Amino acid sequence: MTPILTVLICLGLSLDPRTHVQAGPLPKPTLWAEPGSVITQGSPVTLRCQGSLETQEYHLYREKKTALWITRIPQELVKKGQFPILSITWEHAGRYCCIYGSHTA
């Protein structure tokens, strides 16, 4: 299942009066690292995921891992999920992807 389909399923299952619905497929979220994509071992980094809608849930996956790596559920609807890593190690190396959607109760 592609990340876009997952986003559509999540949004479709938990519509409430505050949910904004977009016709057609949603754009892929943007994922980036701060302070940059090349980080020195032991340094802090924050991975940020931004979607097109305010949402309740962001999921971060690492390539070649079979399970979800980390989830963030903000206290309020936001357009950006943040995944801080206090001290980067070789265990964190790899390619990441992000999906977003509404939290289902």
N, C-alpha and C. Protein backbone atom coordinates (compact mmCIF):
# COMPACT_ATOMS: atom_id res chain seq x y z
N MET A 1 0.85 -1.17 0.00
CA MET A 1 0.00 0.00 0.00
C MET A 1 0.89 1.24 0.00
N THR A 2 0.59 2.16 -0.85
CA THR A 2 1.41 3.37 -0.94
C THR A 2 1.06 4.33 0.18
N PRO A 3 2.00 5.23 0.54
CA PRO A 3 1.71 6.21 1.59
C PRO A 3 0.49 7.07 1.28
N ILE A 4 0.26 7.41 0.01
CA ILE A 4 -0.90 8.25 -0.33
C ILE A 4 -2.19 7.51 -0.02
N LEU A 5 -2.26 6.21 -0.36
CA LEU A 5 -3.47 5.45 -0.06
C LEU A 5 -3.68 5.35 1.44
N THR A 6 -2.63 5.17 2.20
CA THR A 6 -2.75 5.09 3.65
C THR A 6 -3.31 6.38 4.21
N VAL A 7 -2.84 7.51 3.72
CA VAL A 7 -3.34 8.80 4.17
C VAL A 7 -4.83 8.92 3.88
N LEU A 8 -5.25 8.53 2.70
CA LEU A 8 -6.66 8.63 2.34
C LEU A 8 -7.52 7.74 3.23
N ILE A 9 -7.05 6.54 3.53
CA ILE A 9 -7.80 5.63 4.40
C ILE A 9 -7.93 6.23 5.79
N CYS A 10 -6.84 6.75 6.34
CA CYS A 10 -6.89 7.34 7.69
C CYS A 10 -7.86 8.50 7.74
N LEU A 11 -7.83 9.37 6.76
CA LEU A 11 -8.74 10.52 6.74
C LEU A 11 -10.18 10.07 6.57
N GLY A 12 -10.41 9.06 5.77
CA GLY A 12 -11.76 8.60 5.51
C GLY A 12 -12.41 7.91 6.70
N LEU A 13 -11.64 7.32 7.59
CA LEU A 13 -12.19 6.60 8.72
C LEU A 13 -12.54 7.47 9.91
N SER A 14 -12.07 8.70 9.94
CA SER A 14 -12.28 9.50 11.16
C SER A 14 -12.71 10.93 10.85
N LEU A 15 -13.65 11.09 9.96
CA LEU A 15 -14.13 12.43 9.63
C LEU A 15 -14.92 13.00 10.80
N ASP A 16 -14.64 14.25 11.14
CA ASP A 16 -15.42 14.97 12.14
C ASP A 16 -15.66 16.37 11.61
N PRO A 17 -16.43 17.21 12.30
CA PRO A 17 -16.75 18.54 11.77
C PRO A 17 -15.53 19.41 11.47
N ARG A 18 -14.38 19.14 12.10
CA ARG A 18 -13.19 19.96 11.88
C ARG A 18 -12.33 19.44 10.73
N THR A 19 -12.65 18.29 10.17
CA THR A 19 -11.81 17.69 9.14
C THR A 19 -12.04 18.38 7.80
N HIS A 20 -10.96 18.78 7.14
CA HIS A 20 -11.03 19.35 5.80
C HIS A 20 -10.78 18.23 4.81
N VAL A 21 -11.65 18.07 3.84
CA VAL A 21 -11.52 17.00 2.87
C VAL A 21 -11.09 17.60 1.55
N GLN A 22 -10.10 16.98 0.93
CA GLN A 22 -9.59 17.43 -0.36
C GLN A 22 -10.03 16.45 -1.42
N ALA A 23 -10.58 16.93 -2.52
CA ALA A 23 -10.99 16.05 -3.60
C ALA A 23 -9.76 15.49 -4.29
N GLY A 24 -9.81 14.21 -4.61
CA GLY A 24 -8.69 13.56 -5.28
C GLY A 24 -7.60 13.15 -4.30
N PRO A 25 -6.52 12.61 -4.82
CA PRO A 25 -5.44 12.13 -3.95
C PRO A 25 -4.70 13.28 -3.27
N LEU A 26 -4.30 13.05 -2.03
CA LEU A 26 -3.52 14.04 -1.30
C LEU A 26 -2.07 14.02 -1.78
N PRO A 27 -1.40 15.16 -1.72
CA PRO A 27 0.02 15.17 -2.07
C PRO A 27 0.84 14.42 -1.03
N LYS A 28 1.97 13.90 -1.46
CA LYS A 28 2.87 13.23 -0.52
C LYS A 28 3.37 14.24 0.50
N PRO A 29 3.59 13.80 1.74
CA PRO A 29 4.16 14.72 2.73
C PRO A 29 5.62 15.00 2.41
N THR A 30 6.12 16.11 2.92
CA THR A 30 7.52 16.47 2.77
C THR A 30 8.25 16.07 4.04
N LEU A 31 9.41 15.45 3.90
CA LEU A 31 10.21 15.03 5.04
C LEU A 31 11.60 15.63 4.91
N TRP A 32 12.09 16.26 5.99
CA TRP A 32 13.43 16.83 5.98
C TRP A 32 14.04 16.75 7.37
N ALA A 33 15.36 16.94 7.43
CA ALA A 33 16.10 16.89 8.69
C ALA A 33 16.64 18.27 9.02
N GLU A 34 16.61 18.63 10.30
CA GLU A 34 17.21 19.88 10.76
C GLU A 34 18.22 19.54 11.84
N PRO A 35 19.44 20.00 11.76
CA PRO A 35 19.87 21.15 10.98
C PRO A 35 20.22 20.83 9.53
N GLY A 36 20.26 19.58 9.10
CA GLY A 36 20.57 19.23 7.71
C GLY A 36 20.52 17.73 7.54
N SER A 37 20.71 17.25 6.31
CA SER A 37 20.60 15.81 6.04
C SER A 37 21.88 15.04 6.36
N VAL A 38 23.00 15.72 6.54
CA VAL A 38 24.25 15.07 6.94
C VAL A 38 24.54 15.50 8.37
N ILE A 39 24.53 14.53 9.30
CA ILE A 39 24.66 14.81 10.72
C ILE A 39 25.87 14.07 11.28
N THR A 40 26.64 14.74 12.13
CA THR A 40 27.79 14.13 12.79
C THR A 40 27.30 13.23 13.92
N GLN A 41 27.94 12.06 14.07
CA GLN A 41 27.56 11.12 15.13
C GLN A 41 27.60 11.81 16.49
N GLY A 42 26.56 11.58 17.29
CA GLY A 42 26.45 12.19 18.61
C GLY A 42 25.70 13.51 18.63
N SER A 43 25.45 14.07 17.46
CA SER A 43 24.74 15.36 17.37
C SER A 43 23.23 15.15 17.41
N PRO A 44 22.48 16.16 17.83
CA PRO A 44 21.02 16.07 17.78
C PRO A 44 20.49 16.37 16.38
N VAL A 45 19.35 15.80 16.05
CA VAL A 45 18.69 16.07 14.79
C VAL A 45 17.18 15.97 15.01
N THR A 46 16.43 16.74 14.28
CA THR A 46 14.97 16.63 14.31
C THR A 46 14.49 16.34 12.90
N LEU A 47 13.78 15.22 12.73
CA LEU A 47 13.15 14.90 11.46
C LEU A 47 11.77 15.54 11.48
N ARG A 48 11.43 16.24 10.41
CA ARG A 48 10.14 16.94 10.33
C ARG A 48 9.37 16.44 9.10
N CYS A 49 8.10 16.22 9.32
CA CYS A 49 7.20 15.75 8.26
C CYS A 49 6.07 16.77 8.14
N GLN A 50 5.82 17.24 6.92
CA GLN A 50 4.75 18.21 6.72
C GLN A 50 3.77 17.70 5.69
N GLY A 51 2.49 17.70 6.06
CA GLY A 51 1.43 17.29 5.16
C GLY A 51 0.67 18.49 4.63
N SER A 52 -0.32 18.23 3.79
CA SER A 52 -1.08 19.32 3.18
C SER A 52 -2.26 19.77 4.05
N LEU A 53 -2.64 18.98 5.03
CA LEU A 53 -3.77 19.31 5.89
C LEU A 53 -3.34 19.30 7.34
N GLU A 54 -4.08 20.05 8.18
CA GLU A 54 -3.87 19.91 9.61
C GLU A 54 -4.35 18.52 9.99
N THR A 55 -3.57 17.81 10.78
CA THR A 55 -3.91 16.43 11.07
C THR A 55 -3.53 16.08 12.50
N GLN A 56 -3.90 14.89 12.92
CA GLN A 56 -3.68 14.48 14.29
C GLN A 56 -2.57 13.45 14.45
N GLU A 57 -2.06 12.89 13.39
CA GLU A 57 -1.13 11.78 13.54
C GLU A 57 -0.06 11.81 12.46
N TYR A 58 1.19 11.59 12.86
CA TYR A 58 2.32 11.47 11.94
C TYR A 58 3.06 10.18 12.28
N HIS A 59 3.40 9.40 11.25
CA HIS A 59 4.13 8.15 11.44
C HIS A 59 5.42 8.22 10.65
N LEU A 60 6.50 7.81 11.27
CA LEU A 60 7.80 7.80 10.62
C LEU A 60 8.26 6.36 10.47
N TYR A 61 8.66 5.99 9.27
CA TYR A 61 9.16 4.65 8.97
C TYR A 61 10.59 4.76 8.47
N ARG A 62 11.39 3.74 8.78
CA ARG A 62 12.75 3.68 8.26
C ARG A 62 12.82 2.56 7.24
N GLU A 63 13.47 2.83 6.09
CA GLU A 63 13.59 1.86 5.02
C GLU A 63 14.22 0.57 5.53
N LYS A 64 13.71 -0.55 5.05
CA LYS A 64 14.18 -1.90 5.36
C LYS A 64 13.85 -2.33 6.79
N LYS A 65 12.99 -1.59 7.47
CA LYS A 65 12.47 -2.01 8.77
C LYS A 65 11.02 -2.42 8.54
N THR A 66 10.59 -3.53 9.14
CA THR A 66 9.25 -4.03 8.87
C THR A 66 8.17 -3.35 9.71
N ALA A 67 8.55 -2.71 10.80
CA ALA A 67 7.55 -2.11 11.69
C ALA A 67 7.65 -0.59 11.70
N LEU A 68 6.60 0.02 12.20
CA LEU A 68 6.58 1.46 12.41
C LEU A 68 7.73 1.84 13.33
N TRP A 69 8.45 2.89 12.99
CA TRP A 69 9.58 3.31 13.81
C TRP A 69 9.13 4.21 14.94
N ILE A 70 8.31 5.21 14.66
CA ILE A 70 7.88 6.14 15.70
C ILE A 70 6.60 6.85 15.25
N THR A 71 5.76 7.20 16.21
CA THR A 71 4.52 7.92 15.94
C THR A 71 4.45 9.15 16.82
N ARG A 72 3.93 10.23 16.30
CA ARG A 72 3.69 11.44 17.08
C ARG A 72 2.22 11.81 16.93
N ILE A 73 1.57 12.01 18.05
CA ILE A 73 0.19 12.47 18.05
C ILE A 73 0.17 13.80 18.80
N PRO A 74 0.17 14.92 18.07
CA PRO A 74 0.18 16.24 18.72
C PRO A 74 -1.10 16.48 19.54
N GLN A 75 -1.03 17.41 20.48
CA GLN A 75 -2.19 17.76 21.31
C GLN A 75 -3.26 18.49 20.50
N GLU A 76 -2.89 19.10 19.40
CA GLU A 76 -3.84 19.83 18.57
C GLU A 76 -3.54 19.54 17.10
N LEU A 77 -4.45 19.92 16.22
CA LEU A 77 -4.24 19.70 14.79
C LEU A 77 -3.08 20.57 14.30
N VAL A 78 -2.14 19.96 13.61
CA VAL A 78 -0.98 20.68 13.09
C VAL A 78 -0.68 20.19 11.67
N LYS A 79 0.09 20.96 10.94
CA LYS A 79 0.50 20.57 9.59
C LYS A 79 1.89 19.97 9.56
N LYS A 80 2.54 19.84 10.72
CA LYS A 80 3.92 19.38 10.74
C LYS A 80 4.16 18.47 11.95
N GLY A 81 4.73 17.28 11.70
CA GLY A 81 5.13 16.38 12.79
C GLY A 81 6.62 16.52 13.03
N GLN A 82 7.04 16.41 14.29
CA GLN A 82 8.45 16.54 14.65
C GLN A 82 8.91 15.27 15.35
N PHE A 83 10.09 14.77 14.95
CA PHE A 83 10.65 13.56 15.52
C PHE A 83 12.09 13.84 15.96
N PRO A 84 12.28 14.31 17.20
CA PRO A 84 13.64 14.64 17.64
C PRO A 84 14.45 13.40 18.00
N ILE A 85 15.73 13.41 17.65
CA ILE A 85 16.70 12.39 18.07
C ILE A 85 17.79 13.16 18.79
N LEU A 86 17.96 12.90 20.08
CA LEU A 86 18.88 13.69 20.90
C LEU A 86 20.34 13.46 20.56
N SER A 87 20.70 12.21 20.24
CA SER A 87 22.09 11.90 19.92
C SER A 87 22.11 10.85 18.81
N ILE A 88 22.44 11.26 17.60
CA ILE A 88 22.39 10.37 16.44
C ILE A 88 23.51 9.33 16.52
N THR A 89 23.19 8.08 16.18
CA THR A 89 24.18 7.00 16.14
C THR A 89 24.05 6.27 14.80
N TRP A 90 24.93 5.28 14.59
CA TRP A 90 24.85 4.49 13.36
C TRP A 90 23.53 3.74 13.27
N GLU A 91 22.91 3.45 14.41
CA GLU A 91 21.61 2.77 14.42
C GLU A 91 20.51 3.59 13.74
N HIS A 92 20.69 4.90 13.70
CA HIS A 92 19.69 5.78 13.10
C HIS A 92 19.90 5.99 11.60
N ALA A 93 21.03 5.53 11.06
CA ALA A 93 21.35 5.76 9.65
C ALA A 93 20.32 5.06 8.75
N GLY A 94 19.98 5.68 7.64
CA GLY A 94 19.07 5.06 6.69
C GLY A 94 18.16 6.07 6.03
N ARG A 95 17.26 5.56 5.21
CA ARG A 95 16.27 6.39 4.53
C ARG A 95 14.95 6.27 5.27
N TYR A 96 14.26 7.38 5.38
CA TYR A 96 13.02 7.44 6.13
C TYR A 96 11.87 7.88 5.23
N CYS A 97 10.65 7.51 5.61
CA CYS A 97 9.45 8.04 4.96
C CYS A 97 8.43 8.36 6.04
N CYS A 98 7.51 9.22 5.69
CA CYS A 98 6.51 9.70 6.65
C CYS A 98 5.13 9.60 6.03
N ILE A 99 4.15 9.26 6.85
CA ILE A 99 2.75 9.34 6.44
C ILE A 99 1.99 10.11 7.52
N TYR A 100 0.84 10.63 7.16
CA TYR A 100 0.05 11.39 8.11
C TYR A 100 -1.43 11.11 7.90
N GLY A 101 -2.22 11.31 8.93
CA GLY A 101 -3.65 11.10 8.83
C GLY A 101 -4.33 11.46 10.13
N SER A 102 -5.62 11.21 10.20
CA SER A 102 -6.39 11.52 11.40
C SER A 102 -6.36 10.35 12.35
N HIS A 103 -6.32 10.65 13.63
CA HIS A 103 -6.33 9.65 14.68
C HIS A 103 -7.74 9.08 14.81
N THR A 104 -7.84 7.76 14.86
CA THR A 104 -9.15 7.13 15.03
C THR A 104 -9.33 6.74 16.48
N ALA A 105 -10.46 7.05 17.05
CA ALA A 105 -10.73 6.78 18.47
C ALA A 105 -11.12 5.34 18.68
